[in-house]
């Protein structure tokens, strides 16, 4: 039960604005989550992550920027588990996702650049897959978020046993009622629609401004337990045992160099998303030669 409460503690989400519509809302601060999120996952070969992968991914970013493509994406890299990167692209609907794919294929120059970048990037990868998830408002709590000022994601997977969706809904309903008494608690829940996860799977993103918020989450757990009460915790533990398969939580860091983000994001926090590079030091001047005698 303690593991479940820690996973659900302080869950907040990339409240979705990586496309044009969301980018407009970003200037006003927090925004609602996207209805559809496409998650492309790359597993990087040992020794090929870090700078090597960043250089490879810059080819995609440059191709999208040259085409002035309206759809943006956020890249995050793993700080726990297998070395991997996630590329998160939000859409208003499946139709919007389809239109973006068709438009990309019609743009021959962009398609060629992306194909070339994929060949180069593929040499660094051991595996890759794609998952598509849909937003669940019912299972979320105060999900709006000012994402450009965040730095990390805790990404949690919850696997529901077949035939136990009702218990899962009751778990979240119970947890929401307790966290509703904790003002800074907020999260968004997504259900896997297509992808590698078998059965009924939910994904929750917890966005953090700094690692110090992780310490705060652990300290805040006692507030959740107090809000639930002893009987409530026992009921929650029974529901978890009945309905849930083993899940996991991993920590990811935002990667500005591998993300294709909007100008609004850059303006919101330019020091992070587009830091100024230091000018190279000037070469020392050669001493003047003495005239010959």
Protein backbone atom coordinates (compact mmCIF):
# COMPACT_ATOMS: atom_id res chain seq x y z
CA UNK A 1 0.00 0.00 0.00
CA UNK A 2 2.83 2.39 0.77
CA UNK A 3 4.13 1.97 -2.78
CA UNK A 4 0.72 2.83 -4.24
CA UNK A 5 0.40 5.97 -2.13
CA UNK A 6 3.89 7.10 -3.13
CA UNK A 7 3.07 6.60 -6.79
CA UNK A 8 -0.12 8.61 -6.48
CA UNK A 9 1.43 11.35 -4.36
CA UNK A 10 1.62 14.74 -6.02
CA UNK A 11 0.85 13.48 -9.51
CA UNK A 12 0.87 16.30 -12.02
CA UNK A 13 1.14 16.16 -15.77
CA UNK A 14 2.65 17.83 -18.77
CA UNK A 15 -0.54 19.69 -19.17
CA UNK A 16 -0.24 19.30 -22.74
CA UNK A 17 0.59 22.20 -24.90
CA UNK A 18 3.09 21.26 -27.42
CA UNK A 19 1.00 22.06 -30.45
CA UNK A 20 -0.12 25.44 -31.72
CA UNK A 21 -3.33 25.68 -29.69
CA UNK A 22 -1.61 24.80 -26.45
CA UNK A 23 1.30 27.08 -27.21
CA UNK A 24 -1.13 30.01 -27.32
CA UNK A 25 -2.52 29.01 -23.94
CA UNK A 26 0.97 28.64 -22.50
CA UNK A 27 1.46 32.40 -22.52
CA UNK A 28 -1.35 32.57 -19.98
CA UNK A 29 0.34 30.01 -17.70
CA UNK A 30 -1.26 26.69 -16.89
CA UNK A 31 -3.31 24.78 -19.45
CA UNK A 32 -5.42 21.60 -19.70
CA UNK A 33 -3.88 18.27 -20.70
CA UNK A 34 -4.06 17.09 -24.32
CA UNK A 35 -6.73 14.54 -25.15
CA UNK A 36 -4.33 12.30 -27.09
CA UNK A 37 -0.63 11.81 -26.39
CA UNK A 38 1.75 9.92 -28.69
CA UNK A 39 4.79 8.57 -26.84
CA UNK A 40 7.76 7.37 -28.89
CA UNK A 41 10.34 5.49 -26.81
CA UNK A 42 13.97 4.90 -27.80
CA UNK A 43 16.22 2.49 -25.90
CA UNK A 44 19.82 3.63 -26.27
CA UNK A 45 22.77 1.26 -26.54
CA UNK A 46 25.22 1.33 -23.62
CA UNK A 47 27.70 4.15 -24.13
CA UNK A 48 25.59 5.78 -26.86
CA UNK A 49 23.42 8.01 -24.69
CA UNK A 50 24.29 11.52 -23.53
CA UNK A 51 26.08 13.76 -26.03
CA UNK A 52 26.12 11.17 -28.82
CA UNK A 53 22.34 10.76 -28.74
CA UNK A 54 21.79 14.50 -28.38
CA UNK A 55 23.81 15.17 -31.55
CA UNK A 56 21.80 12.57 -33.43
CA UNK A 57 18.46 13.93 -32.24
CA UNK A 58 19.46 17.45 -33.25
CA UNK A 59 19.01 16.31 -36.86
CA UNK A 60 15.28 15.81 -36.22
CA UNK A 61 14.96 19.16 -34.46
CA UNK A 62 16.74 20.98 -37.28
CA UNK A 63 14.57 19.31 -39.91
CA UNK A 64 11.35 20.28 -38.10
CA UNK A 65 12.58 23.83 -37.53
CA UNK A 66 13.61 24.26 -41.19
CA UNK A 67 10.13 23.13 -42.25
CA UNK A 68 8.58 25.44 -39.62
CA UNK A 69 6.45 22.49 -38.59
CA UNK A 70 3.50 23.49 -36.38
CA UNK A 71 3.49 20.33 -34.22
CA UNK A 72 6.01 20.30 -31.40
CA UNK A 73 7.29 17.62 -29.05
CA UNK A 74 9.03 17.32 -25.71
CA UNK A 75 11.96 14.94 -25.12
CA UNK A 76 12.83 13.47 -21.72
CA UNK A 77 15.69 11.13 -20.83
CA UNK A 78 15.76 8.42 -18.17
CA UNK A 79 17.43 8.88 -14.81
CA UNK A 80 16.38 5.42 -13.63
CA UNK A 81 15.83 2.08 -15.35
CA UNK A 82 17.23 1.28 -18.79
CA UNK A 83 18.87 4.15 -20.75
CA UNK A 84 16.10 5.54 -22.93
CA UNK A 85 14.46 8.69 -24.21
CA UNK A 86 10.77 9.49 -24.58
CA UNK A 87 9.41 11.88 -27.21
CA UNK A 88 5.97 13.19 -26.24
CA UNK A 89 3.68 14.72 -28.86
CA UNK A 90 0.16 15.88 -27.89
CA UNK A 91 -2.89 16.16 -30.12
CA UNK A 92 -6.45 17.38 -29.70
CA UNK A 93 -7.80 14.17 -31.28
CA UNK A 94 -6.88 11.07 -33.28
CA UNK A 95 -7.99 12.97 -36.37
CA UNK A 96 -5.43 15.69 -35.61
CA UNK A 97 -2.74 13.00 -35.29
CA UNK A 98 -3.77 11.57 -38.67
CA UNK A 99 -3.66 14.98 -40.35
CA UNK A 100 -0.18 15.61 -38.96
CA UNK A 101 1.07 12.26 -40.29
CA UNK A 102 -0.45 12.85 -43.74
CA UNK A 103 0.98 16.36 -43.94
CA UNK A 104 4.42 15.07 -42.99
CA UNK A 105 4.33 12.45 -45.75
CA UNK A 106 3.26 15.07 -48.31
CA UNK A 107 6.20 17.31 -47.42
CA UNK A 108 8.88 15.52 -49.42
CA UNK A 109 11.78 17.62 -48.15
CA UNK A 110 10.82 17.09 -44.50
CA UNK A 111 10.18 13.39 -45.01
CA UNK A 112 13.57 12.92 -46.66
CA UNK A 113 15.33 14.76 -43.83
CA UNK A 114 13.54 12.71 -41.20
CA UNK A 115 14.32 9.43 -42.99
CA UNK A 116 18.00 10.35 -43.12
CA UNK A 117 17.99 11.29 -39.45
CA UNK A 118 16.33 7.97 -38.55
CA UNK A 119 19.13 5.99 -40.21
CA UNK A 120 21.76 7.85 -38.23
CA UNK A 121 19.80 7.61 -34.99
CA UNK A 122 19.09 3.92 -35.48
CA UNK A 123 22.78 3.08 -35.11
CA UNK A 124 22.61 4.29 -31.50
CA UNK A 125 19.50 2.34 -30.49
CA UNK A 126 18.88 -1.17 -29.23
CA UNK A 127 15.08 -0.95 -29.52
CA UNK A 128 12.18 1.47 -30.02
CA UNK A 129 8.39 1.45 -29.70
CA UNK A 130 5.39 3.76 -29.70
CA UNK A 131 2.41 4.01 -27.35
CA UNK A 132 -0.71 6.15 -27.74
CA UNK A 133 -2.67 7.17 -24.64
CA UNK A 134 -5.90 9.06 -24.02
CA UNK A 135 -6.67 11.50 -21.22
CA UNK A 136 -9.09 10.55 -18.43
CA UNK A 137 -10.59 13.62 -16.76
CA UNK A 138 -12.49 11.46 -14.28
CA UNK A 139 -9.27 9.93 -12.94
CA UNK A 140 -7.38 13.24 -12.73
CA UNK A 141 -7.15 16.01 -10.13
CA UNK A 142 -6.28 19.66 -10.81
CA UNK A 143 -4.15 18.68 -13.84
CA UNK A 144 -3.30 22.12 -15.28
CA UNK A 145 0.41 22.90 -15.29
CA UNK A 146 2.96 25.50 -16.43
CA UNK A 147 5.21 22.97 -18.13
CA UNK A 148 8.04 25.18 -19.52
CA UNK A 149 9.23 25.81 -15.97
CA UNK A 150 9.35 22.11 -15.06
CA UNK A 151 12.52 20.01 -15.18
CA UNK A 152 11.57 16.39 -14.42
CA UNK A 153 8.84 13.79 -14.84
CA UNK A 154 8.05 10.92 -12.54
CA UNK A 155 6.22 8.52 -14.87
CA UNK A 156 4.16 5.81 -13.18
CA UNK A 157 2.55 2.75 -14.77
CA UNK A 158 -0.49 1.08 -13.21
CA UNK A 159 -1.62 -2.30 -14.56
CA UNK A 160 -5.22 -3.28 -13.78
CA UNK A 161 -6.14 -6.95 -13.61
CA UNK A 162 -8.69 -8.11 -16.22
CA UNK A 163 -12.24 -7.49 -15.02
CA UNK A 164 -11.18 -5.15 -12.20
CA UNK A 165 -11.61 -1.75 -13.86
CA UNK A 166 -14.38 -0.85 -11.38
CA UNK A 167 -12.05 -1.39 -8.42
CA UNK A 168 -9.39 0.74 -10.09
CA UNK A 169 -11.91 3.55 -10.52
CA UNK A 170 -12.84 3.23 -6.84
CA UNK A 171 -9.15 3.38 -5.85
CA UNK A 172 -8.65 6.63 -7.75
CA UNK A 173 -11.93 8.07 -6.47
CA UNK A 174 -10.85 7.34 -2.89
CA UNK A 175 -7.38 8.79 -3.43
CA UNK A 176 -8.78 11.91 -5.09
CA UNK A 177 -11.07 12.56 -2.13
CA UNK A 178 -8.10 12.42 0.24
CA UNK A 179 -5.79 14.53 -1.93
CA UNK A 180 -8.52 17.09 -2.48
CA UNK A 181 -7.71 18.19 1.09
CA UNK A 182 -4.06 18.77 0.10
CA UNK A 183 -4.07 22.02 -1.95
CA UNK A 184 -0.91 21.42 -4.02
CA UNK A 185 -1.85 17.89 -5.08
CA UNK A 186 -2.59 17.56 -8.80
CA UNK A 187 -2.19 14.94 -11.51
CA UNK A 188 -3.52 13.74 -14.85
CA UNK A 189 -4.19 10.12 -15.73
CA UNK A 190 -3.96 8.57 -19.19
CA UNK A 191 -5.15 5.18 -20.39
CA UNK A 192 -3.16 3.21 -22.96
CA UNK A 193 -5.15 2.95 -26.19
CA UNK A 194 -2.48 1.43 -28.46
CA UNK A 195 1.02 0.19 -27.78
CA UNK A 196 3.24 -2.33 -26.07
CA UNK A 197 1.48 -2.54 -22.68
CA UNK A 198 -0.84 -5.52 -22.40
CA UNK A 199 -4.25 -5.32 -20.72
CA UNK A 200 -5.67 -2.23 -19.05
CA UNK A 201 -2.80 0.14 -18.29
CA UNK A 202 -2.81 3.68 -16.96
CA UNK A 203 0.07 6.15 -17.08
CA UNK A 204 0.46 9.06 -14.67
CA UNK A 205 3.00 11.87 -15.12
CA UNK A 206 4.25 13.84 -12.14
CA UNK A 207 6.11 16.99 -13.19
CA UNK A 208 8.70 18.51 -10.89
CA UNK A 209 10.46 21.88 -10.89
CA UNK A 210 13.40 20.47 -8.97
CA UNK A 211 14.54 17.29 -7.26
CA UNK A 212 13.74 18.88 -3.91
CA UNK A 213 10.07 18.27 -4.69
CA UNK A 214 10.75 14.53 -4.48
CA UNK A 215 11.82 15.04 -0.88
CA UNK A 216 8.62 17.02 -0.32
CA UNK A 217 6.51 14.19 -1.76
CA UNK A 218 7.89 11.67 0.71
CA UNK A 219 7.36 14.09 3.60
CA UNK A 220 3.81 14.83 2.42
CA UNK A 221 2.82 11.16 2.47
CA UNK A 222 1.86 11.45 6.13
CA UNK A 223 -0.76 14.08 5.19
CA UNK A 224 -2.33 11.64 2.78
CA UNK A 225 -2.40 8.87 5.38
CA UNK A 226 -3.97 11.25 7.89
CA UNK A 227 -6.62 12.29 5.38
CA UNK A 228 -7.44 8.64 4.60
CA UNK A 229 -7.60 7.45 8.20
CA UNK A 230 -6.82 3.92 9.39
CA UNK A 231 -10.00 2.36 7.99
CA UNK A 232 -9.56 4.12 4.66
CA UNK A 233 -5.99 2.85 4.31
CA UNK A 234 -7.09 -0.72 5.02
CA UNK A 235 -9.83 -0.47 2.39
CA UNK A 236 -7.40 1.00 -0.13
CA UNK A 237 -4.88 -1.79 0.52
CA UNK A 238 -7.59 -4.43 -0.06
CA UNK A 239 -8.66 -2.80 -3.32
CA UNK A 240 -5.06 -2.63 -4.54
CA UNK A 241 -4.46 -6.31 -3.75
CA UNK A 242 -7.64 -7.26 -5.59
CA UNK A 243 -7.32 -5.07 -8.69
CA UNK A 244 -3.68 -4.21 -9.38
CA UNK A 245 -0.76 -5.94 -11.04
CA UNK A 246 2.81 -4.85 -10.17
CA UNK A 247 3.62 -1.41 -11.60
CA UNK A 248 6.63 0.88 -11.65
CA UNK A 249 7.77 4.49 -11.41
CA UNK A 250 10.80 6.04 -13.13
CA UNK A 251 12.37 9.48 -13.15
CA UNK A 252 13.06 11.40 -16.38
CA UNK A 253 14.81 14.72 -17.01
CA UNK A 254 13.67 17.26 -19.61
CA UNK A 255 16.08 17.53 -22.55
CA UNK A 256 16.04 20.97 -24.23
CA UNK A 257 18.51 19.96 -26.95
CA UNK A 258 16.38 17.00 -28.09
CA UNK A 259 13.01 18.79 -27.86
CA UNK A 260 11.28 20.65 -30.67
CA UNK A 261 9.34 23.24 -28.71
CA UNK A 262 7.50 26.44 -29.62
CA UNK A 263 8.79 29.99 -29.39
CA UNK A 264 6.35 30.60 -26.53
CA UNK A 265 8.11 27.91 -24.51
CA UNK A 266 11.49 29.48 -25.25
CA UNK A 267 10.23 32.92 -24.24
CA UNK A 268 8.79 31.50 -21.02
CA UNK A 269 12.20 30.23 -19.86
CA UNK A 270 14.95 31.07 -22.39
CA UNK A 271 17.84 30.26 -20.05
CA UNK A 272 16.72 26.63 -19.94
CA UNK A 273 15.24 25.98 -23.37
CA UNK A 274 17.75 27.97 -25.42
CA UNK A 275 20.75 28.86 -23.26
CA UNK A 276 23.30 31.27 -24.66
CA UNK A 277 26.59 29.63 -25.47
CA UNK A 278 29.70 31.31 -24.20
CA UNK A 279 31.78 33.01 -26.87
CA UNK A 280 35.07 31.23 -27.55
CA UNK A 281 38.09 32.78 -25.92
CA UNK A 282 40.08 35.02 -28.20
CA UNK A 283 43.39 33.62 -29.39
CA UNK A 284 46.36 35.23 -27.63
CA UNK A 285 48.11 37.85 -29.67
CA UNK A 286 51.57 37.08 -30.91
CA UNK A 287 54.23 39.38 -29.49
CA UNK A 288 55.45 41.94 -31.96
CA UNK A 289 58.66 40.93 -33.66
CA UNK A 290 61.69 43.05 -32.88
CA UNK A 291 63.14 44.86 -35.85
CA UNK A 292 66.34 43.34 -37.17
CA UNK A 293 69.54 45.16 -36.22
